[in-house]
All heavy atoms as atom14 arrays in JSON, in Angstrom:
{
  "sequence": "TVAKLQLALRAAAGAPAVAPEALRALLQQLAAPL",
  "atom14_mask": [
    [1, 1, 1, 1, 1, 1, 1, 0, 0, 0, 0, 0, 0, 0],
    [1, 1, 1, 1, 1, 1, 1, 0, 0, 0, 0, 0, 0, 0],
    [1, 1, 1, 1, 1, 0, 0, 0, 0, 0, 0, 0, 0, 0],
    [1, 1, 1, 1, 1, 1, 1, 1, 1, 0, 0, 0, 0, 0],
    [1, 1, 1, 1, 1, 1, 1, 1, 0, 0, 0, 0, 0, 0],
    [1, 1, 1, 1, 1, 1, 1, 1, 1, 0, 0, 0, 0, 0],
    [1, 1, 1, 1, 1, 1, 1, 1, 0, 0, 0, 0, 0, 0],
    [1, 1, 1, 1, 1, 0, 0, 0, 0, 0, 0, 0, 0, 0],
    [1, 1, 1, 1, 1, 1, 1, 1, 0, 0, 0, 0, 0, 0],
    [1, 1, 1, 1, 1, 1, 1, 1, 1, 1, 1, 0, 0, 0],
    [1, 1, 1, 1, 1, 0, 0, 0, 0, 0, 0, 0, 0, 0],
    [1, 1, 1, 1, 1, 0, 0, 0, 0, 0, 0, 0, 0, 0],
    [1, 1, 1, 1, 1, 0, 0, 0, 0, 0, 0, 0, 0, 0],
    [1, 1, 1, 1, 0, 0, 0, 0, 0, 0, 0, 0, 0, 0],
    [1, 1, 1, 1, 1, 0, 0, 0, 0, 0, 0, 0, 0, 0],
    [1, 1, 1, 1, 1, 1, 1, 0, 0, 0, 0, 0, 0, 0],
    [1, 1, 1, 1, 1, 0, 0, 0, 0, 0, 0, 0, 0, 0],
    [1, 1, 1, 1, 1, 1, 1, 0, 0, 0, 0, 0, 0, 0],
    [1, 1, 1, 1, 1, 0, 0, 0, 0, 0, 0, 0, 0, 0],
    [1, 1, 1, 1, 1, 1, 1, 0, 0, 0, 0, 0, 0, 0],
    [1, 1, 1, 1, 1, 1, 1, 1, 1, 0, 0, 0, 0, 0],
    [1, 1, 1, 1, 1, 0, 0, 0, 0, 0, 0, 0, 0, 0],
    [1, 1, 1, 1, 1, 1, 1, 1, 0, 0, 0, 0, 0, 0],
    [1, 1, 1, 1, 1, 1, 1, 1, 1, 1, 1, 0, 0, 0],
    [1, 1, 1, 1, 1, 0, 0, 0, 0, 0, 0, 0, 0, 0],
    [1, 1, 1, 1, 1, 1, 1, 1, 0, 0, 0, 0, 0, 0],
    [1, 1, 1, 1, 1, 1, 1, 1, 0, 0, 0, 0, 0, 0],
    [1, 1, 1, 1, 1, 1, 1, 1, 1, 0, 0, 0, 0, 0],
    [1, 1, 1, 1, 1, 1, 1, 1, 1, 0, 0, 0, 0, 0],
    [1, 1, 1, 1, 1, 1, 1, 1, 0, 0, 0, 0, 0, 0],
    [1, 1, 1, 1, 1, 0, 0, 0, 0, 0, 0, 0, 0, 0],
    [1, 1, 1, 1, 1, 0, 0, 0, 0, 0, 0, 0, 0, 0],
    [1, 1, 1, 1, 1, 1, 1, 0, 0, 0, 0, 0, 0, 0],
    [1, 1, 1, 1, 1, 1, 1, 1, 0, 0, 0, 0, 0, 0]
  ],
  "atom14_positions": [
    [[-67.76, 13.24, -83.92], [-67.89, 12.54, -82.64], [-66.52, 12.13, -82.11], [-66.23, 12.27, -80.91], [-68.78, 11.3, -82.8], [-70.09, 11.73, -83.15], [-68.85, 10.5, -81.51], [0.0, 0.0, 0.0], [0.0, 0.0, 0.0], [0.0, 0.0, 0.0], [0.0, 0.0, 0.0], [0.0, 0.0, 0.0], [0.0, 0.0, 0.0], [0.0, 0.0, 0.0]],
    [[-65.67, 11.61, -82.99], [-64.31, 11.2, -82.59], [-63.55, 12.39, -82.02], [-62.87, 12.29, -81.0], [-63.56, 10.59, -83.78], [-62.07, 10.45, -83.48], [-64.15, 9.23, -84.13], [0.0, 0.0, 0.0], [0.0, 0.0, 0.0], [0.0, 0.0, 0.0], [0.0, 0.0, 0.0], [0.0, 0.0, 0.0], [0.0, 0.0, 0.0], [0.0, 0.0, 0.0]],
    [[-63.67, 13.56, -82.66], [-62.98, 14.75, -82.17], [-63.46, 15.13, -80.77], [-62.65, 15.5, -79.9], [-63.2, 15.91, -83.14], [0.0, 0.0, 0.0], [0.0, 0.0, 0.0], [0.0, 0.0, 0.0], [0.0, 0.0, 0.0], [0.0, 0.0, 0.0], [0.0, 0.0, 0.0], [0.0, 0.0, 0.0], [0.0, 0.0, 0.0], [0.0, 0.0, 0.0]],
    [[-64.76, 15.02, -80.52], [-65.3, 15.33, -79.19], [-64.78, 14.34, -78.15], [-64.44, 14.73, -77.03], [-66.82, 15.29, -79.22], [-67.47, 16.43, -79.98], [-68.97, 16.24, -80.01], [-69.62, 17.27, -80.91], [-71.06, 17.05, -81.03], [0.0, 0.0, 0.0], [0.0, 0.0, 0.0], [0.0, 0.0, 0.0], [0.0, 0.0, 0.0], [0.0, 0.0, 0.0]],
    [[-64.74, 13.08, -78.52], [-64.24, 12.07, -77.58], [-62.77, 12.28, -77.26], [-62.35, 12.15, -76.11], [-64.44, 10.67, -78.18], [-65.88, 10.13, -78.16], [-66.0, 8.91, -79.05], [-66.3, 9.8, -76.74], [0.0, 0.0, 0.0], [0.0, 0.0, 0.0], [0.0, 0.0, 0.0], [0.0, 0.0, 0.0], [0.0, 0.0, 0.0], [0.0, 0.0, 0.0]],
    [[-61.98, 12.62, -78.26], [-60.56, 12.85, -78.02], [-60.34, 14.02, -77.07], [-59.47, 13.98, -76.2], [-59.84, 13.07, -79.36], [-59.76, 11.8, -80.19], [-59.27, 12.03, -81.6], [-59.36, 13.15, -82.13], [-58.74, 10.99, -82.23], [0.0, 0.0, 0.0], [0.0, 0.0, 0.0], [0.0, 0.0, 0.0], [0.0, 0.0, 0.0], [0.0, 0.0, 0.0]],
    [[-61.15, 15.08, -77.25], [-61.05, 16.23, -76.33], [-61.47, 15.83, -74.92], [-60.84, 16.22, -73.93], [-61.94, 17.37, -76.84], [-61.42, 18.16, -78.05], [-62.46, 19.15, -78.52], [-60.12, 18.89, -77.69], [0.0, 0.0, 0.0], [0.0, 0.0, 0.0], [0.0, 0.0, 0.0], [0.0, 0.0, 0.0], [0.0, 0.0, 0.0], [0.0, 0.0, 0.0]],
    [[-62.54, 15.05, -74.83], [-63.04, 14.63, -73.51], [-62.02, 13.76, -72.78], [-61.83, 13.88, -71.57], [-64.35, 13.88, -73.67], [0.0, 0.0, 0.0], [0.0, 0.0, 0.0], [0.0, 0.0, 0.0], [0.0, 0.0, 0.0], [0.0, 0.0, 0.0], [0.0, 0.0, 0.0], [0.0, 0.0, 0.0], [0.0, 0.0, 0.0], [0.0, 0.0, 0.0]],
    [[-61.34, 12.88, -73.52], [-60.35, 12.0, -72.9], [-59.12, 12.76, -72.43], [-58.4, 12.3, -71.53], [-59.96, 10.9, -73.89], [-61.06, 9.86, -74.18], [-60.67, 8.99, -75.37], [-61.33, 9.0, -72.97], [0.0, 0.0, 0.0], [0.0, 0.0, 0.0], [0.0, 0.0, 0.0], [0.0, 0.0, 0.0], [0.0, 0.0, 0.0], [0.0, 0.0, 0.0]],
    [[-58.87, 13.91, -73.04], [-57.73, 14.72, -72.63], [-58.07, 15.68, -71.49], [-57.21, 16.38, -70.98], [-57.2, 15.52, -73.83], [-56.41, 14.67, -74.83], [-55.93, 15.5, -76.01], [-54.97, 14.76, -76.81], [-55.29, 13.85, -77.72], [-56.56, 13.57, -77.94], [-54.36, 13.22, -78.4], [0.0, 0.0, 0.0], [0.0, 0.0, 0.0], [0.0, 0.0, 0.0]],
    [[-59.35, 15.73, -71.14], [-59.77, 16.64, -70.08], [-59.13, 16.23, -68.75], [-58.79, 15.06, -68.53], [-61.3, 16.64, -69.95], [0.0, 0.0, 0.0], [0.0, 0.0, 0.0], [0.0, 0.0, 0.0], [0.0, 0.0, 0.0], [0.0, 0.0, 0.0], [0.0, 0.0, 0.0], [0.0, 0.0, 0.0], [0.0, 0.0, 0.0], [0.0, 0.0, 0.0]],
    [[-59.0, 17.18, -67.87], [-58.4, 16.88, -66.56], [-59.27, 15.88, -65.8], [-60.48, 15.82, -65.96], [-58.27, 18.17, -65.76], [0.0, 0.0, 0.0], [0.0, 0.0, 0.0], [0.0, 0.0, 0.0], [0.0, 0.0, 0.0], [0.0, 0.0, 0.0], [0.0, 0.0, 0.0], [0.0, 0.0, 0.0], [0.0, 0.0, 0.0], [0.0, 0.0, 0.0]],
    [[-58.63, 15.08, -64.97], [-59.34, 14.07, -64.19], [-60.41, 14.74, -63.35], [-60.16, 15.73, -62.67], [-58.37, 13.32, -63.3], [0.0, 0.0, 0.0], [0.0, 0.0, 0.0], [0.0, 0.0, 0.0], [0.0, 0.0, 0.0], [0.0, 0.0, 0.0], [0.0, 0.0, 0.0], [0.0, 0.0, 0.0], [0.0, 0.0, 0.0], [0.0, 0.0, 0.0]],
    [[-61.61, 14.19, -63.41], [-62.72, 14.72, -62.61], [-63.48, 15.81, -63.29], [-64.52, 16.23, -62.81], [0.0, 0.0, 0.0], [0.0, 0.0, 0.0], [0.0, 0.0, 0.0], [0.0, 0.0, 0.0], [0.0, 0.0, 0.0], [0.0, 0.0, 0.0], [0.0, 0.0, 0.0], [0.0, 0.0, 0.0], [0.0, 0.0, 0.0], [0.0, 0.0, 0.0]],
    [[-62.99, 16.33, -64.44], [-63.7, 17.39, -65.14], [-64.83, 16.79, -65.96], [-64.77, 15.63, -66.36], [-62.75, 18.15, -66.05], [0.0, 0.0, 0.0], [0.0, 0.0, 0.0], [0.0, 0.0, 0.0], [0.0, 0.0, 0.0], [0.0, 0.0, 0.0], [0.0, 0.0, 0.0], [0.0, 0.0, 0.0], [0.0, 0.0, 0.0], [0.0, 0.0, 0.0]],
    [[-65.88, 17.55, -66.24], [-66.97, 17.02, -67.07], [-66.44, 16.66, -68.45], [-65.55, 17.3, -68.97], [-67.96, 18.19, -67.15], [-67.62, 19.08, -66.0], [-66.14, 18.92, -65.77], [0.0, 0.0, 0.0], [0.0, 0.0, 0.0], [0.0, 0.0, 0.0], [0.0, 0.0, 0.0], [0.0, 0.0, 0.0], [0.0, 0.0, 0.0], [0.0, 0.0, 0.0]],
    [[-67.01, 15.62, -69.06], [-66.57, 15.2, -70.39], [-66.82, 16.3, -71.42], [-66.05, 16.49, -72.33], [-67.32, 13.93, -70.81], [0.0, 0.0, 0.0], [0.0, 0.0, 0.0], [0.0, 0.0, 0.0], [0.0, 0.0, 0.0], [0.0, 0.0, 0.0], [0.0, 0.0, 0.0], [0.0, 0.0, 0.0], [0.0, 0.0, 0.0], [0.0, 0.0, 0.0]],
    [[-67.91, 17.05, -71.25], [-68.25, 18.14, -72.15], [-68.73, 19.32, -71.31], [-69.47, 19.13, -70.36], [-69.36, 17.72, -73.15], [-69.7, 18.86, -74.09], [-68.94, 16.48, -73.92], [0.0, 0.0, 0.0], [0.0, 0.0, 0.0], [0.0, 0.0, 0.0], [0.0, 0.0, 0.0], [0.0, 0.0, 0.0], [0.0, 0.0, 0.0], [0.0, 0.0, 0.0]],
    [[-68.29, 20.51, -71.67], [-68.75, 21.68, -70.93], [-70.27, 21.77, -71.0], [-70.86, 21.51, -72.07], [-68.13, 22.94, -71.53], [0.0, 0.0, 0.0], [0.0, 0.0, 0.0], [0.0, 0.0, 0.0], [0.0, 0.0, 0.0], [0.0, 0.0, 0.0], [0.0, 0.0, 0.0], [0.0, 0.0, 0.0], [0.0, 0.0, 0.0], [0.0, 0.0, 0.0]],
    [[-70.94, 22.15, -69.9], [-72.41, 22.21, -69.91], [-72.96, 23.08, -71.02], [-73.97, 22.75, -71.63], [-72.74, 22.78, -68.52], [-71.57, 22.39, -67.67], [-70.37, 22.44, -68.58], [0.0, 0.0, 0.0], [0.0, 0.0, 0.0], [0.0, 0.0, 0.0], [0.0, 0.0, 0.0], [0.0, 0.0, 0.0], [0.0, 0.0, 0.0], [0.0, 0.0, 0.0]],
    [[-72.28, 24.21, -71.31], [-72.75, 25.1, -72.36], [-72.72, 24.42, -73.72], [-73.66, 24.53, -74.52], [-71.9, 26.38, -72.41], [-71.97, 27.23, -71.15], [-71.1, 26.68, -70.01], [-70.32, 25.73, -70.27], [-71.23, 27.19, -68.88], [0.0, 0.0, 0.0], [0.0, 0.0, 0.0], [0.0, 0.0, 0.0], [0.0, 0.0, 0.0], [0.0, 0.0, 0.0]],
    [[-71.63, 23.68, -73.97], [-71.52, 22.97, -75.24], [-72.57, 21.87, -75.34], [-73.14, 21.62, -76.41], [-70.12, 22.39, -75.4], [0.0, 0.0, 0.0], [0.0, 0.0, 0.0], [0.0, 0.0, 0.0], [0.0, 0.0, 0.0], [0.0, 0.0, 0.0], [0.0, 0.0, 0.0], [0.0, 0.0, 0.0], [0.0, 0.0, 0.0], [0.0, 0.0, 0.0]],
    [[-72.83, 21.2, -74.22], [-73.82, 20.13, -74.2], [-75.22, 20.68, -74.5], [-75.97, 20.11, -75.29], [-73.81, 19.46, -72.83], [-74.53, 18.12, -72.7], [-73.93, 17.09, -73.64], [-74.48, 17.63, -71.28], [0.0, 0.0, 0.0], [0.0, 0.0, 0.0], [0.0, 0.0, 0.0], [0.0, 0.0, 0.0], [0.0, 0.0, 0.0], [0.0, 0.0, 0.0]],
    [[-75.54, 21.83, -73.89], [-76.85, 22.43, -74.14], [-76.99, 22.88, -75.58], [-78.04, 22.73, -76.21], [-77.06, 23.61, -73.18], [-77.45, 23.19, -71.77], [-77.97, 24.38, -70.97], [-76.91, 25.33, -70.68], [-76.15, 25.28, -69.6], [-76.33, 24.32, -68.7], [-75.21, 26.18, -69.4], [0.0, 0.0, 0.0], [0.0, 0.0, 0.0], [0.0, 0.0, 0.0]],
    [[-75.9, 23.44, -76.14], [-75.94, 23.89, -77.54], [-76.16, 22.73, -78.48], [-76.95, 22.81, -79.43], [-74.64, 24.62, -77.89], [0.0, 0.0, 0.0], [0.0, 0.0, 0.0], [0.0, 0.0, 0.0], [0.0, 0.0, 0.0], [0.0, 0.0, 0.0], [0.0, 0.0, 0.0], [0.0, 0.0, 0.0], [0.0, 0.0, 0.0], [0.0, 0.0, 0.0]],
    [[-75.48, 21.6, -78.2], [-75.64, 20.43, -79.05], [-77.04, 19.85, -78.91], [-77.66, 19.41, -79.88], [-74.59, 19.38, -78.69], [-74.55, 18.12, -79.56], [-74.29, 18.47, -81.01], [-73.48, 17.17, -79.05], [0.0, 0.0, 0.0], [0.0, 0.0, 0.0], [0.0, 0.0, 0.0], [0.0, 0.0, 0.0], [0.0, 0.0, 0.0], [0.0, 0.0, 0.0]],
    [[-77.56, 19.84, -77.69], [-78.91, 19.35, -77.45], [-79.93, 20.16, -78.23], [-80.83, 19.62, -78.87], [-79.22, 19.41, -75.96], [-80.65, 19.11, -75.52], [-81.07, 17.74, -76.0], [-80.78, 19.21, -74.03], [0.0, 0.0, 0.0], [0.0, 0.0, 0.0], [0.0, 0.0, 0.0], [0.0, 0.0, 0.0], [0.0, 0.0, 0.0], [0.0, 0.0, 0.0]],
    [[-79.79, 21.5, -78.22], [-80.72, 22.36, -78.95], [-80.66, 22.08, -80.44], [-81.67, 22.05, -81.14], [-80.4, 23.82, -78.66], [-80.74, 24.25, -77.24], [-80.25, 25.65, -76.92], [-79.63, 26.3, -77.77], [-80.5, 26.11, -75.71], [0.0, 0.0, 0.0], [0.0, 0.0, 0.0], [0.0, 0.0, 0.0], [0.0, 0.0, 0.0], [0.0, 0.0, 0.0]],
    [[-79.44, 21.85, -80.93], [-79.26, 21.58, -82.35], [-79.95, 20.29, -82.76], [-80.61, 20.21, -83.8], [-77.77, 21.51, -82.67], [-77.47, 21.17, -84.13], [-75.99, 20.94, -84.35], [-75.18, 21.17, -83.47], [-75.64, 20.5, -85.53], [0.0, 0.0, 0.0], [0.0, 0.0, 0.0], [0.0, 0.0, 0.0], [0.0, 0.0, 0.0], [0.0, 0.0, 0.0]],
    [[-79.81, 19.24, -81.94], [-80.36, 17.94, -82.3], [-81.85, 17.84, -82.02], [-82.57, 17.14, -82.73], [-79.62, 16.83, -81.54], [-78.19, 16.58, -82.0], [-77.52, 15.6, -81.05], [-78.16, 16.03, -83.41], [0.0, 0.0, 0.0], [0.0, 0.0, 0.0], [0.0, 0.0, 0.0], [0.0, 0.0, 0.0], [0.0, 0.0, 0.0], [0.0, 0.0, 0.0]],
    [[-82.32, 18.53, -80.98], [-83.73, 18.43, -80.61], [-84.62, 19.33, -81.45], [-85.83, 19.12, -81.51], [-83.9, 18.77, -79.13], [0.0, 0.0, 0.0], [0.0, 0.0, 0.0], [0.0, 0.0, 0.0], [0.0, 0.0, 0.0], [0.0, 0.0, 0.0], [0.0, 0.0, 0.0], [0.0, 0.0, 0.0], [0.0, 0.0, 0.0], [0.0, 0.0, 0.0]],
    [[-84.02, 20.32, -82.11], [-84.81, 21.24, -82.93], [-85.43, 20.5, -84.1], [-84.83, 19.57, -84.64], [-83.93, 22.38, -83.42], [0.0, 0.0, 0.0], [0.0, 0.0, 0.0], [0.0, 0.0, 0.0], [0.0, 0.0, 0.0], [0.0, 0.0, 0.0], [0.0, 0.0, 0.0], [0.0, 0.0, 0.0], [0.0, 0.0, 0.0], [0.0, 0.0, 0.0]],
    [[-86.63, 20.87, -84.5], [-87.24, 20.21, -85.67], [-86.42, 20.46, -86.92], [-85.81, 21.51, -87.09], [-88.62, 20.87, -85.76], [-88.49, 22.17, -85.02], [-87.48, 21.92, -83.94], [0.0, 0.0, 0.0], [0.0, 0.0, 0.0], [0.0, 0.0, 0.0], [0.0, 0.0, 0.0], [0.0, 0.0, 0.0], [0.0, 0.0, 0.0], [0.0, 0.0, 0.0]],
    [[-86.38, 19.46, -87.77], [-85.64, 19.6, -89.02], [-86.33, 20.63, -89.91], [-87.56, 20.7, -89.95], [-85.58, 18.26, -89.75], [-84.79, 17.16, -89.04], [-84.94, 15.85, -89.8], [-83.33, 17.54, -88.92], [0.0, 0.0, 0.0], [0.0, 0.0, 0.0], [0.0, 0.0, 0.0], [0.0, 0.0, 0.0], [0.0, 0.0, 0.0], [0.0, 0.0, 0.0]]
  ]
}
């Protein structure tokens, strides 16, 4: 999580904190049944 935050804080002003594709991939990973 810290690594993701550090990348997001270095992103250009006005850019999304996380790329939509990466966000969707993470969502699928967490929402999938164990």
